[in-house]
Amino acid sequence: MQPFEAIKLAKEKGPSVEILPTADPPVCKITDYGKYLYQPTRKAHEQRKSSRGSQLKESSSGPATAEHDYQVRKNQILRFLGEGHKVRAMIFHRGRENGPPGSRPRQDETAC
């Protein structure tokens, strides 16, 4: 497009945005400036959204949990770690389970 035609068209349609100022001749685009500023932030947002690699997974159980249930929880934790997630393992104590460490069931030692 000839420069004088482009200038005439830009005056009719509205503001133009300079895309490549270093090119010879410079490249301009007739568009809304607000939309032009919004598009890169939107692309960056989509890129961050899709690049979330790992999530925090939680696994909780009590010291009175049965052996089979404990093994299921352990296998879940191993699977989460294998998939690249972060894992928070919690053991909750209620009532007398909060007693001295020597009197707690064996799961406290096997959880780690």
PDB file of N, CA and C in Angstrom:
ATOM      1  N   MET A   1       0.851  -1.169   0.000  1.00  0.00           N
ATOM      2  CA  MET A   1       0.000   0.000   0.000  1.00  0.00           C
ATOM      3  C   MET A   1       0.901   1.239   0.000  1.00  0.00           C
ATOM      4  N   GLN A   2       0.514   2.209  -0.765  1.00  0.00           N
ATOM      5  CA  GLN A   2       1.283   3.447  -0.842  1.00  0.00           C
ATOM      6  C   GLN A   2       1.130   4.242   0.458  1.00  0.00           C
ATOM      7  N   PRO A   3       2.172   4.971   0.874  1.00  0.00           N
ATOM      8  CA  PRO A   3       2.117   5.704   2.148  1.00  0.00           C
ATOM      9  C   PRO A   3       0.961   6.700   2.214  1.00  0.00           C
ATOM     10  N   PHE A   4       0.697   7.425   1.128  1.00  0.00           N
ATOM     11  CA  PHE A   4      -0.381   8.412   1.190  1.00  0.00           C
ATOM     12  C   PHE A   4      -1.750   7.745   1.328  1.00  0.00           C
ATOM     13  N   GLU A   5      -1.920   6.547   0.725  1.00  0.00           N
ATOM     14  CA  GLU A   5      -3.166   5.801   0.888  1.00  0.00           C
ATOM     15  C   GLU A   5      -3.323   5.318   2.332  1.00  0.00           C
ATOM     16  N   ALA A   6      -2.219   4.864   2.903  1.00  0.00           N
ATOM     17  CA  ALA A   6      -2.248   4.374   4.282  1.00  0.00           C
ATOM     18  C   ALA A   6      -2.582   5.503   5.255  1.00  0.00           C
ATOM     19  N   ILE A   7      -2.013   6.681   5.035  1.00  0.00           N
ATOM     20  CA  ILE A   7      -2.292   7.816   5.910  1.00  0.00           C
ATOM     21  C   ILE A   7      -3.764   8.212   5.793  1.00  0.00           C
ATOM     22  N   LYS A   8      -4.290   8.230   4.586  1.00  0.00           N
ATOM     23  CA  LYS A   8      -5.686   8.578   4.364  1.00  0.00           C
ATOM     24  C   LYS A   8      -6.608   7.574   5.050  1.00  0.00           C
ATOM     25  N   LEU A   9      -6.288   6.278   4.905  1.00  0.00           N
ATOM     26  CA  LEU A   9      -7.085   5.218   5.527  1.00  0.00           C
ATOM     27  C   LEU A   9      -7.023   5.298   7.051  1.00  0.00           C
ATOM     28  N   ALA A  10      -5.852   5.600   7.602  1.00  0.00           N
ATOM     29  CA  ALA A  10      -5.690   5.706   9.046  1.00  0.00           C
ATOM     30  C   ALA A  10      -6.498   6.870   9.601  1.00  0.00           C
ATOM     31  N   LYS A  11      -6.553   7.981   8.871  1.00  0.00           N
ATOM     32  CA  LYS A  11      -7.334   9.131   9.328  1.00  0.00           C
ATOM     33  C   LYS A  11      -8.829   8.813   9.303  1.00  0.00           C
ATOM     34  N   GLU A  12      -9.268   8.000   8.360  1.00  0.00           N
ATOM     35  CA  GLU A  12     -10.679   7.638   8.268  1.00  0.00           C
ATOM     36  C   GLU A  12     -11.080   6.647   9.371  1.00  0.00           C
ATOM     37  N   LYS A  13     -10.265   5.617   9.569  1.00  0.00           N
ATOM     38  CA  LYS A  13     -10.620   4.525  10.480  1.00  0.00           C
ATOM     39  C   LYS A  13     -10.272   4.804  11.934  1.00  0.00           C
ATOM     40  N   GLY A  14      -9.267   5.595  12.208  1.00  0.00           N
ATOM     41  CA  GLY A  14      -8.885   5.860  13.588  1.00  0.00           C
ATOM     42  C   GLY A  14      -7.389   5.720  13.771  1.00  0.00           C
ATOM     43  N   PRO A  15      -6.969   5.574  15.028  1.00  0.00           N
ATOM     44  CA  PRO A  15      -5.529   5.540  15.314  1.00  0.00           C
ATOM     45  C   PRO A  15      -4.859   4.278  14.776  1.00  0.00           C
ATOM     46  N   SER A  16      -3.564   4.430  14.478  1.00  0.00           N
ATOM     47  CA  SER A  16      -2.790   3.287  14.017  1.00  0.00           C
ATOM     48  C   SER A  16      -1.689   3.007  15.026  1.00  0.00           C
ATOM     49  N   VAL A  17      -1.264   1.763  15.080  1.00  0.00           N
ATOM     50  CA  VAL A  17      -0.218   1.333  16.004  1.00  0.00           C
ATOM     51  C   VAL A  17       0.988   0.916  15.183  1.00  0.00           C
ATOM     52  N   GLU A  18       2.148   1.416  15.563  1.00  0.00           N
ATOM     53  CA  GLU A  18       3.375   1.083  14.850  1.00  0.00           C
ATOM     54  C   GLU A  18       3.867  -0.276  15.337  1.00  0.00           C
ATOM     55  N   ILE A  19       3.892  -1.256  14.448  1.00  0.00           N
ATOM     56  CA  ILE A  19       4.254  -2.616  14.806  1.00  0.00           C
ATOM     57  C   ILE A  19       5.767  -2.803  14.715  1.00  0.00           C
ATOM     58  N   LEU A  20       6.367  -2.469  13.590  1.00  0.00           N
ATOM     59  CA  LEU A  20       7.812  -2.599  13.395  1.00  0.00           C
ATOM     60  C   LEU A  20       8.402  -1.246  12.998  1.00  0.00           C
ATOM     61  N   PRO A  21       8.849  -0.446  13.973  1.00  0.00           N
ATOM     62  CA  PRO A  21       9.377   0.870  13.636  1.00  0.00           C
ATOM     63  C   PRO A  21      10.745   0.800  12.957  1.00  0.00           C
ATOM     64  N   THR A  22      11.492  -0.299  13.117  1.00  0.00           N
ATOM     65  CA  THR A  22      12.840  -0.391  12.549  1.00  0.00           C
ATOM     66  C   THR A  22      12.834  -0.884  11.115  1.00  0.00           C
ATOM     67  N   ALA A  23      11.697  -1.378  10.647  1.00  0.00           N
ATOM     68  CA  ALA A  23      11.618  -1.893   9.273  1.00  0.00           C
ATOM     69  C   ALA A  23      11.679  -0.726   8.277  1.00  0.00           C
ATOM     70  N   ASP A  24      11.990  -1.040   7.047  1.00  0.00           N
ATOM     71  CA  ASP A  24      12.050  -0.005   6.023  1.00  0.00           C
ATOM     72  C   ASP A  24      11.084  -0.382   4.911  1.00  0.00           C
ATOM     73  N   PRO A  25       9.968   0.214   4.726  1.00  0.00           N
ATOM     74  CA  PRO A  25       9.332   1.282   5.508  1.00  0.00           C
ATOM     75  C   PRO A  25       8.723   0.724   6.797  1.00  0.00           C
ATOM     76  N   PRO A  26       8.473   1.589   7.798  1.00  0.00           N
ATOM     77  CA  PRO A  26       7.895   1.131   9.066  1.00  0.00           C
ATOM     78  C   PRO A  26       6.528   0.472   8.851  1.00  0.00           C
ATOM     79  N   VAL A  27       6.240  -0.529   9.650  1.00  0.00           N
ATOM     80  CA  VAL A  27       4.987  -1.274   9.525  1.00  0.00           C
ATOM     81  C   VAL A  27       4.015  -0.765  10.584  1.00  0.00           C
ATOM     82  N   CYS A  28       2.833  -0.361  10.145  1.00  0.00           N
ATOM     83  CA  CYS A  28       1.794   0.112  11.047  1.00  0.00           C
ATOM     84  C   CYS A  28       0.535  -0.723  10.850  1.00  0.00           C
ATOM     85  N   LYS A  29      -0.287  -0.753  11.901  1.00  0.00           N
ATOM     86  CA  LYS A  29      -1.526  -1.512  11.854  1.00  0.00           C
ATOM     87  C   LYS A  29      -2.641  -0.619  12.381  1.00  0.00           C
ATOM     88  N   ILE A  30      -3.758  -0.575  11.696  1.00  0.00           N
ATOM     89  CA  ILE A  30      -4.895   0.222  12.144  1.00  0.00           C
ATOM     90  C   ILE A  30      -5.702  -0.652  13.099  1.00  0.00           C
ATOM     91  N   THR A  31      -5.659  -0.304  14.372  1.00  0.00           N
ATOM     92  CA  THR A  31      -6.332  -1.101  15.390  1.00  0.00           C
ATOM     93  C   THR A  31      -6.594  -0.244  16.621  1.00  0.00           C
ATOM     94  N   ASP A  32      -7.346  -0.788  17.547  1.00  0.00           N
ATOM     95  CA  ASP A  32      -7.611  -0.115  18.810  1.00  0.00           C
ATOM     96  C   ASP A  32      -6.368  -0.267  19.702  1.00  0.00           C
ATOM     97  N   TYR A  33      -5.853   0.841  20.225  1.00  0.00           N
ATOM     98  CA  TYR A  33      -4.618   0.817  21.006  1.00  0.00           C
ATOM     99  C   TYR A  33      -4.798   0.053  22.315  1.00  0.00           C
ATOM    100  N   GLY A  34      -5.963   0.163  22.925  1.00  0.00           N
ATOM    101  CA  GLY A  34      -6.234  -0.576  24.159  1.00  0.00           C
ATOM    102  C   GLY A  34      -6.195  -2.079  23.930  1.00  0.00           C
ATOM    103  N   LYS A  35      -6.764  -2.519  22.818  1.00  0.00           N
ATOM    104  CA  LYS A  35      -6.743  -3.935  22.471  1.00  0.00           C
ATOM    105  C   LYS A  35      -5.315  -4.391  22.192  1.00  0.00           C
ATOM    106  N   TYR A  36      -4.542  -3.524  21.549  1.00  0.00           N
ATOM    107  CA  TYR A  36      -3.146  -3.837  21.241  1.00  0.00           C
ATOM    108  C   TYR A  36      -2.338  -4.033  22.530  1.00  0.00           C
ATOM    109  N   LEU A  37      -2.600  -3.214  23.545  1.00  0.00           N
ATOM    110  CA  LEU A  37      -1.895  -3.360  24.819  1.00  0.00           C
ATOM    111  C   LEU A  37      -2.389  -4.580  25.599  1.00  0.00           C
ATOM    112  N   TYR A  38      -3.644  -4.942  25.436  1.00  0.00           N
ATOM    113  CA  TYR A  38      -4.241  -6.043  26.190  1.00  0.00           C
ATOM    114  C   TYR A  38      -3.779  -7.410  25.687  1.00  0.00           C
ATOM    115  N   GLN A  39      -3.568  -7.551  24.397  1.00  0.00           N
ATOM    116  CA  GLN A  39      -3.252  -8.864  23.820  1.00  0.00           C
ATOM    117  C   GLN A  39      -1.993  -9.506  24.397  1.00  0.00           C
ATOM    118  N   PRO A  40      -0.856  -8.798  24.564  1.00  0.00           N
ATOM    119  CA  PRO A  40       0.315  -9.472  25.145  1.00  0.00           C
ATOM    120  C   PRO A  40       0.094  -9.923  26.591  1.00  0.00           C
ATOM    121  N   THR A  41      -0.649  -9.143  27.378  1.00  0.00           N
ATOM    122  CA  THR A  41      -0.905  -9.570  28.750  1.00  0.00           C
ATOM    123  C   THR A  41      -1.798 -10.800  28.772  1.00  0.00           C
ATOM    124  N   ARG A  42      -2.738 -10.879  27.840  1.00  0.00           N
ATOM    125  CA  ARG A  42      -3.611 -12.044  27.757  1.00  0.00           C
ATOM    126  C   ARG A  42      -2.814 -13.290  27.364  1.00  0.00           C
ATOM    127  N   LYS A  43      -1.891 -13.136  26.418  1.00  0.00           N
ATOM    128  CA  LYS A  43      -1.055 -14.268  26.016  1.00  0.00           C
ATOM    129  C   LYS A  43      -0.189 -14.745  27.178  1.00  0.00           C
ATOM    130  N   ALA A  44       0.378 -13.785  27.921  1.00  0.00           N
ATOM    131  CA  ALA A  44       1.213 -14.152  29.068  1.00  0.00           C
ATOM    132  C   ALA A  44       0.388 -14.870  30.125  1.00  0.00           C
ATOM    133  N   HIS A  45      -0.845 -14.429  30.337  1.00  0.00           N
ATOM    134  CA  HIS A  45      -1.723 -15.079  31.310  1.00  0.00           C
ATOM    135  C   HIS A  45      -2.031 -16.515  30.893  1.00  0.00           C
ATOM    136  N   GLU A  46      -2.344 -16.727  29.646  1.00  0.00           N
ATOM    137  CA  GLU A  46      -2.624 -18.076  29.142  1.00  0.00           C
ATOM    138  C   GLU A  46      -1.392 -18.972  29.256  1.00  0.00           C
ATOM    139  N   GLN A  47      -0.233 -18.402  29.007  1.00  0.00           N
ATOM    140  CA  GLN A  47       1.004 -19.176  29.082  1.00  0.00           C
ATOM    141  C   GLN A  47       1.281 -19.598  30.524  1.00  0.00           C
ATOM    142  N   ARG A  48       1.083 -18.688  31.487  1.00  0.00           N
ATOM    143  CA  ARG A  48       1.277 -19.027  32.893  1.00  0.00           C
ATOM    144  C   ARG A  48       0.259 -20.067  33.333  1.00  0.00           C
ATOM    145  N   LYS A  49      -0.961 -19.940  32.838  1.00  0.00           N
ATOM    146  CA  LYS A  49      -2.023 -20.859  33.213  1.00  0.00           C
ATOM    147  C   LYS A  49      -1.710 -22.280  32.759  1.00  0.00           C
ATOM    148  N   SER A  50      -1.154 -22.421  31.564  1.00  0.00           N
ATOM    149  CA  SER A  50      -0.874 -23.749  31.038  1.00  0.00           C
ATOM    150  C   SER A  50       0.439 -24.321  31.545  1.00  0.00           C
ATOM    151  N   SER A  51       1.288 -23.515  32.165  1.00  0.00           N
ATOM    152  CA  SER A  51       2.594 -24.012  32.581  1.00  0.00           C
ATOM    153  C   SER A  51       2.645 -24.433  34.044  1.00  0.00           C
ATOM    154  N   ARG A  52       1.514 -24.489  34.697  1.00  0.00           N
ATOM    155  CA  ARG A  52       1.517 -24.927  36.092  1.00  0.00           C
ATOM    156  C   ARG A  52       1.910 -26.397  36.132  1.00  0.00           C
ATOM    157  N   GLY A  53       3.117 -26.659  36.593  1.00  0.00           N
ATOM    158  CA  GLY A  53       3.631 -28.017  36.553  1.00  0.00           C
ATOM    159  C   GLY A  53       3.167 -28.874  37.691  1.00  0.00           C
ATOM    160  N   SER A  54       3.297 -28.393  38.899  1.00  0.00           N
ATOM    161  CA  SER A  54       2.978 -29.258  40.022  1.00  0.00           C
ATOM    162  C   SER A  54       1.987 -28.578  40.952  1.00  0.00           C
ATOM    163  N   GLN A  55       1.221 -29.387  41.607  1.00  0.00           N
ATOM    164  CA  GLN A  55       0.272 -28.914  42.592  1.00  0.00           C
ATOM    165  C   GLN A  55       0.651 -29.507  43.931  1.00  0.00           C
ATOM    166  N   LEU A  56       0.108 -28.929  44.987  1.00  0.00           N
ATOM    167  CA  LEU A  56       0.334 -29.459  46.324  1.00  0.00           C
ATOM    168  C   LEU A  56      -0.791 -30.432  46.639  1.00  0.00           C
ATOM    169  N   LYS A  57      -0.438 -31.678  46.851  1.00  0.00           N
ATOM    170  CA  LYS A  57      -1.411 -32.710  47.206  1.00  0.00           C
ATOM    171  C   LYS A  57      -1.275 -32.989  48.694  1.00  0.00           C
ATOM    172  N   GLU A  58      -2.391 -33.280  49.354  1.00  0.00           N
ATOM    173  CA  GLU A  58      -2.369 -33.574  50.779  1.00  0.00           C
ATOM    174  C   GLU A  58      -2.874 -34.987  51.019  1.00  0.00           C
ATOM    175  N   SER A  59      -2.250 -35.636  51.976  1.00  0.00           N
ATOM    176  CA  SER A  59      -2.685 -36.951  52.396  1.00  0.00           C
ATOM    177  C   SER A  59      -2.670 -36.957  53.918  1.00  0.00           C
ATOM    178  N   SER A  60      -3.799 -37.234  54.535  1.00  0.00           N
ATOM    179  CA  SER A  60      -3.858 -37.203  55.994  1.00  0.00           C
ATOM    180  C   SER A  60      -4.458 -38.495  56.520  1.00  0.00           C
ATOM    181  N   SER A  61      -3.990 -38.886  57.676  1.00  0.00           N
ATOM    182  CA  SER A  61      -4.518 -40.070  58.344  1.00  0.00           C
ATOM    183  C   SER A  61      -4.226 -39.943  59.830  1.00  0.00           C
ATOM    184  N   GLY A  62      -4.858 -40.786  60.602  1.00  0.00           N
ATOM    185  CA  GLY A  62      -4.652 -40.801  62.040  1.00  0.00           C
ATOM    186  C   GLY A  62      -3.772 -41.956  62.449  1.00  0.00           C
ATOM    187  N   PRO A  63      -3.285 -41.932  63.678  1.00  0.00           N
ATOM    188  CA  PRO A  63      -2.415 -43.021  64.124  1.00  0.00           C
ATOM    189  C   PRO A  63      -3.155 -44.353  64.281  1.00  0.00           C
ATOM    190  N   ALA A  64      -4.464 -44.329  64.369  1.00  0.00           N
ATOM    191  CA  ALA A  64      -5.230 -45.572  64.525  1.00  0.00           C
ATOM    192  C   ALA A  64      -5.696 -46.108  63.175  1.00  0.00           C
ATOM    193  N   THR A  65      -5.153 -45.620  62.081  1.00  0.00           N
ATOM    194  CA  THR A  65      -5.550 -46.075  60.752  1.00  0.00           C
ATOM    195  C   THR A  65      -5.094 -47.523  60.543  1.00  0.00           C
ATOM    196  N   ALA A  66      -5.942 -48.312  59.932  1.00  0.00           N
ATOM    197  CA  ALA A  66      -5.633 -49.726  59.690  1.00  0.00           C
ATOM    198  C   ALA A  66      -4.456 -49.853  58.724  1.00  0.00           C
ATOM    199  N   GLU A  67      -3.789 -50.980  58.755  1.00  0.00           N
ATOM    200  CA  GLU A  67      -2.584 -51.203  57.945  1.00  0.00           C
ATOM    201  C   GLU A  67      -2.880 -51.100  56.450  1.00  0.00           C
ATOM    202  N   HIS A  68      -3.991 -51.682  56.001  1.00  0.00           N
ATOM    203  CA  HIS A  68      -4.326 -51.617  54.576  1.00  0.00           C
ATOM    204  C   HIS A  68      -4.571 -50.173  54.140  1.00  0.00           C
ATOM    205  N   ASP A  69      -5.315 -49.416  54.955  1.00  0.00           N
ATOM    206  CA  ASP A  69      -5.579 -48.011  54.625  1.00  0.00           C
ATOM    207  C   ASP A  69      -4.280 -47.207  54.597  1.00  0.00           C
ATOM    208  N   TYR A  70      -3.390 -47.521  55.513  1.00  0.00           N
ATOM    209  CA  TYR A  70      -2.091 -46.849  55.540  1.00  0.00           C
ATOM    210  C   TYR A  70      -1.312 -47.145  54.250  1.00  0.00           C
ATOM    211  N   GLN A  71      -1.344 -48.399  53.791  1.00  0.00           N
ATOM    212  CA  GLN A  71      -0.639 -48.759  52.558  1.00  0.00           C
ATOM    213  C   GLN A  71      -1.243 -48.037  51.347  1.00  0.00           C
ATOM    214  N   VAL A  72      -2.562 -47.885  51.335  1.00  0.00           N
ATOM    215  CA  VAL A  72      -3.223 -47.156  50.242  1.00  0.00           C
ATOM    216  C   VAL A  72      -2.743 -45.710  50.223  1.00  0.00           C
ATOM    217  N   ARG A  73      -2.680 -45.070  51.396  1.00  0.00           N
ATOM    218  CA  ARG A  73      -2.204 -43.683  51.488  1.00  0.00           C
ATOM    219  C   ARG A  73      -0.748 -43.583  51.021  1.00  0.00           C
ATOM    220  N   LYS A  74       0.065 -44.541  51.434  1.00  0.00           N
ATOM    221  CA  LYS A  74       1.472 -44.528  51.041  1.00  0.00           C
ATOM    222  C   LYS A  74       1.605 -44.646  49.524  1.00  0.00           C
ATOM    223  N   ASN A  75       0.822 -45.526  48.913  1.00  0.00           N
ATOM    224  CA  ASN A  75       0.869 -45.693  47.459  1.00  0.00           C
ATOM    225  C   ASN A  75       0.390 -44.437  46.736  1.00  0.00           C
ATOM    226  N   GLN A  76      -0.614 -43.751  47.300  1.00  0.00           N
ATOM    227  CA  GLN A  76      -1.061 -42.486  46.719  1.00  0.00           C
ATOM    228  C   GLN A  76       0.059 -41.455  46.741  1.00  0.00           C
ATOM    229  N   ILE A  77       0.748 -41.363  47.864  1.00  0.00           N
ATOM    230  CA  ILE A  77       1.846 -40.394  47.996  1.00  0.00           C
ATOM    231  C   ILE A  77       2.941 -40.701  46.986  1.00  0.00           C
ATOM    232  N   LEU A  78       3.296 -41.967  46.835  1.00  0.00           N
ATOM    233  CA  LEU A  78       4.323 -42.346  45.867  1.00  0.00           C
ATOM    234  C   LEU A  78       3.890 -42.026  44.436  1.00  0.00           C
ATOM    235  N   ARG A  79       2.603 -42.232  44.135  1.00  0.00           N
ATOM    236  CA  ARG A  79       2.091 -41.917  42.798  1.00  0.00           C
ATOM    237  C   ARG A  79       2.137 -40.409  42.552  1.00  0.00           C
ATOM    238  N   PHE A  80       1.744 -39.608  43.553  1.00  0.00           N
ATOM    239  CA  PHE A  80       1.787 -38.152  43.410  1.00  0.00           C
ATOM    240  C   PHE A  80       3.214 -37.674  43.176  1.00  0.00           C
ATOM    241  N   LEU A  81       4.148 -38.226  43.930  1.00  0.00           N
ATOM    242  CA  LEU A  81       5.551 -37.823  43.759  1.00  0.00           C
ATOM    243  C   LEU A  81       6.069 -38.230  42.383  1.00  0.00           C
ATOM    244  N   GLY A  82       5.643 -39.395  41.908  1.00  0.00           N
ATOM    245  CA  GLY A  82       6.047 -39.847  40.577  1.00  0.00           C
ATOM    246  C   GLY A  82       5.515 -38.957  39.464  1.00  0.00           C
ATOM    247  N   GLU A  83       4.352 -38.344  39.685  1.00  0.00           N
ATOM    248  CA  GLU A  83       3.762 -37.442  38.696  1.00  0.00           C
ATOM    249  C   GLU A  83       4.347 -36.040  38.777  1.00  0.00           C
ATOM    250  N   GLY A  84       5.218 -35.788  39.765  1.00  0.00           N
ATOM    251  CA  GLY A  84       5.866 -34.483  39.869  1.00  0.00           C
ATOM    252  C   GLY A  84       5.154 -33.498  40.771  1.00  0.00           C
ATOM    253  N   HIS A  85       4.192 -33.964  41.568  1.00  0.00           N
ATOM    254  CA  HIS A  85       3.481 -33.069  42.475  1.00  0.00           C
ATOM    255  C   HIS A  85       4.215 -32.976  43.809  1.00  0.00           C
ATOM    256  N   LYS A  86       3.924 -31.914  44.539  1.00  0.00           N
ATOM    257  CA  LYS A  86       4.424 -31.791  45.906  1.00  0.00           C
ATOM    258  C   LYS A  86       3.397 -32.445  46.816  1.00  0.00           C
ATOM    259  N   VAL A  87       3.867 -33.064  47.901  1.00  0.00           N
ATOM    260  CA  VAL A  87       2.968 -33.799  48.787  1.00  0.00           C
ATOM    261  C   VAL A  87       3.164 -33.331  50.214  1.00  0.00           C
ATOM    262  N   ARG A  88       2.043 -33.105  50.902  1.00  0.00           N
ATOM    263  CA  ARG A  88       2.072 -32.799  52.333  1.00  0.00           C
ATOM    264  C   ARG A  88       1.361 -33.955  53.032  1.00  0.00           C
ATOM    265  N   ALA A  89       2.096 -34.717  53.833  1.00  0.00           N
ATOM    266  CA  ALA A  89       1.521 -35.831  54.577  1.00  0.00           C
ATOM    267  C   ALA A  89       1.278 -35.381  56.007  1.00  0.00           C
ATOM    268  N   MET A  90       0.043 -35.569  56.477  1.00  0.00           N
ATOM    269  CA  MET A  90      -0.302 -35.129  57.825  1.00  0.00           C
ATOM    270  C   MET A  90      -0.848 -36.303  58.623  1.00  0.00           C
ATOM    271  N   ILE A  91      -0.443 -36.360  59.878  1.00  0.00           N
ATOM    272  CA  ILE A  91      -1.009 -37.328  60.813  1.00  0.00           C
ATOM    273  C   ILE A  91      -1.707 -36.521  61.891  1.00  0.00           C
ATOM    274  N   PHE A  92      -2.992 -36.733  62.049  1.00  0.00           N
ATOM    275  CA  PHE A  92      -3.730 -35.961  63.042  1.00  0.00           C
ATOM    276  C   PHE A  92      -3.948 -36.811  64.294  1.00  0.00           C
ATOM    277  N   HIS A  93      -3.826 -36.173  65.422  1.00  0.00           N
ATOM    278  CA  HIS A  93      -3.997 -36.835  66.719  1.00  0.00           C
ATOM    279  C   HIS A  93      -5.218 -36.246  67.400  1.00  0.00           C
ATOM    280  N   ARG A  94      -6.030 -37.114  67.997  1.00  0.00           N
ATOM    281  CA  ARG A  94      -7.212 -36.666  68.722  1.00  0.00           C
ATOM    282  C   ARG A  94      -7.202 -37.259  70.128  1.00  0.00           C
ATOM    283  N   GLY A  95      -7.614 -36.468  71.074  1.00  0.00           N
ATOM    284  CA  GLY A  95      -7.787 -36.952  72.449  1.00  0.00           C
ATOM    285  C   GLY A  95      -6.517 -37.534  73.034  1.00  0.00           C
ATOM    286  N   ARG A  96      -6.584 -38.798  73.457  1.00  0.00           N
ATOM    287  CA  ARG A  96      -5.444 -39.445  74.112  1.00  0.00           C
ATOM    288  C   ARG A  96      -4.307 -39.745  73.147  1.00  0.00           C
ATOM    289  N   GLU A  97      -4.559 -39.643  71.871  1.00  0.00           N
ATOM    290  CA  GLU A  97      -3.486 -39.865  70.894  1.00  0.00           C
ATOM    291  C   GLU A  97      -2.407 -38.798  71.011  1.00  0.00           C
ATOM    292  N   ASN A  98      -2.720 -37.690  71.673  1.00  0.00           N
ATOM    293  CA  ASN A  98      -1.746 -36.616  71.853  1.00  0.00           C
ATOM    294  C   ASN A  98      -0.816 -36.874  73.039  1.00  0.00           C
ATOM    295  N   GLY A  99      -0.849 -38.040  73.604  1.00  0.00           N
ATOM    296  CA  GLY A  99      -0.047 -38.379  74.769  1.00  0.00           C
ATOM    297  C   GLY A  99       1.447 -38.342  74.491  1.00  0.00           C
ATOM    298  N   PRO A 100       2.242 -38.847  75.431  1.00  0.00           N
ATOM    299  CA  PRO A 100       3.704 -38.851  75.276  1.00  0.00           C
ATOM    300  C   PRO A 100       4.122 -39.624  74.025  1.00  0.00           C
ATOM    301  N   PRO A 101       5.225 -39.222  73.382  1.00  0.00           N
ATOM    302  CA  PRO A 101       5.652 -39.872  72.143  1.00  0.00           C
ATOM    303  C   PRO A 101       5.876 -41.374  72.264  1.00  0.00           C
ATOM    304  N   GLY A 102       6.276 -41.868  73.405  1.00  0.00           N
ATOM    305  CA  GLY A 102       6.510 -43.299  73.564  1.00  0.00           C
ATOM    306  C   GLY A 102       5.240 -44.119  73.517  1.00  0.00           C
ATOM    307  N   SER A 103       4.107 -43.503  73.812  1.00  0.00           N
ATOM    308  CA  SER A 103       2.859 -44.262  73.854  1.00  0.00           C
ATOM    309  C   SER A 103       2.085 -44.199  72.545  1.00  0.00           C
ATOM    310  N   ARG A 104       2.585 -43.467  71.563  1.00  0.00           N
ATOM    311  CA  ARG A 104       1.883 -43.352  70.276  1.00  0.00           C
ATOM    312  C   ARG A 104       2.047 -44.629  69.463  1.00  0.00           C
ATOM    313  N   PRO A 105       1.065 -44.965  68.658  1.00  0.00           N
ATOM    314  CA  PRO A 105       1.180 -46.160  67.800  1.00  0.00           C
ATOM    315  C   PRO A 105       2.320 -46.027  66.792  1.00  0.00           C
ATOM    316  N   ARG A 106       2.639 -47.119  66.134  1.00  0.00           N
ATOM    317  CA  ARG A 106       3.832 -47.179  65.301  1.00  0.00           C
ATOM    318  C   ARG A 106       3.748 -46.350  64.021  1.00  0.00           C
ATOM    319  N   GLN A 107       2.585 -45.881  63.606  1.00  0.00           N
ATOM    320  CA  GLN A 107       2.456 -45.172  62.328  1.00  0.00           C
ATOM    321  C   GLN A 107       3.255 -43.866  62.329  1.00  0.00           C
ATOM    322  N   ASP A 108       3.469 -43.259  63.481  1.00  0.00           N
ATOM    323  CA  ASP A 108       4.279 -42.037  63.541  1.00  0.00           C
ATOM    324  C   ASP A 108       5.655 -42.275  62.951  1.00  0.00           C
ATOM    325  N   GLU A 109       6.234 -43.427  63.199  1.00  0.00           N
ATOM    326  CA  GLU A 109       7.583 -43.714  62.723  1.00  0.00           C
ATOM    327  C   GLU A 109       7.574 -44.145  61.268  1.00  0.00           C
ATOM    328  N   THR A 110       6.531 -44.805  60.823  1.00  0.00           N
ATOM    329  CA  THR A 110       6.518 -45.329  59.459  1.00  0.00           C
ATOM    330  C   THR A 110       6.078 -44.296  58.430  1.00  0.00           C
ATOM    331  N   ALA A 111       5.526 -43.177  58.847  1.00  0.00           N
ATOM    332  CA  ALA A 111       5.032 -42.184  57.895  1.00  0.00           C
ATOM    333  C   ALA A 111       6.167 -41.512  57.150  1.00  0.00           C
ATOM    334  N   CYS A 112       7.305 -41.399  57.743  1.00  0.00           N
ATOM    335  CA  CYS A 112       8.422 -40.687  57.103  1.00  0.00           C
ATOM    336  C   CYS A 112       9.165 -41.559  56.202  1.00  0.00           C
TER     337      CYS A 112
END
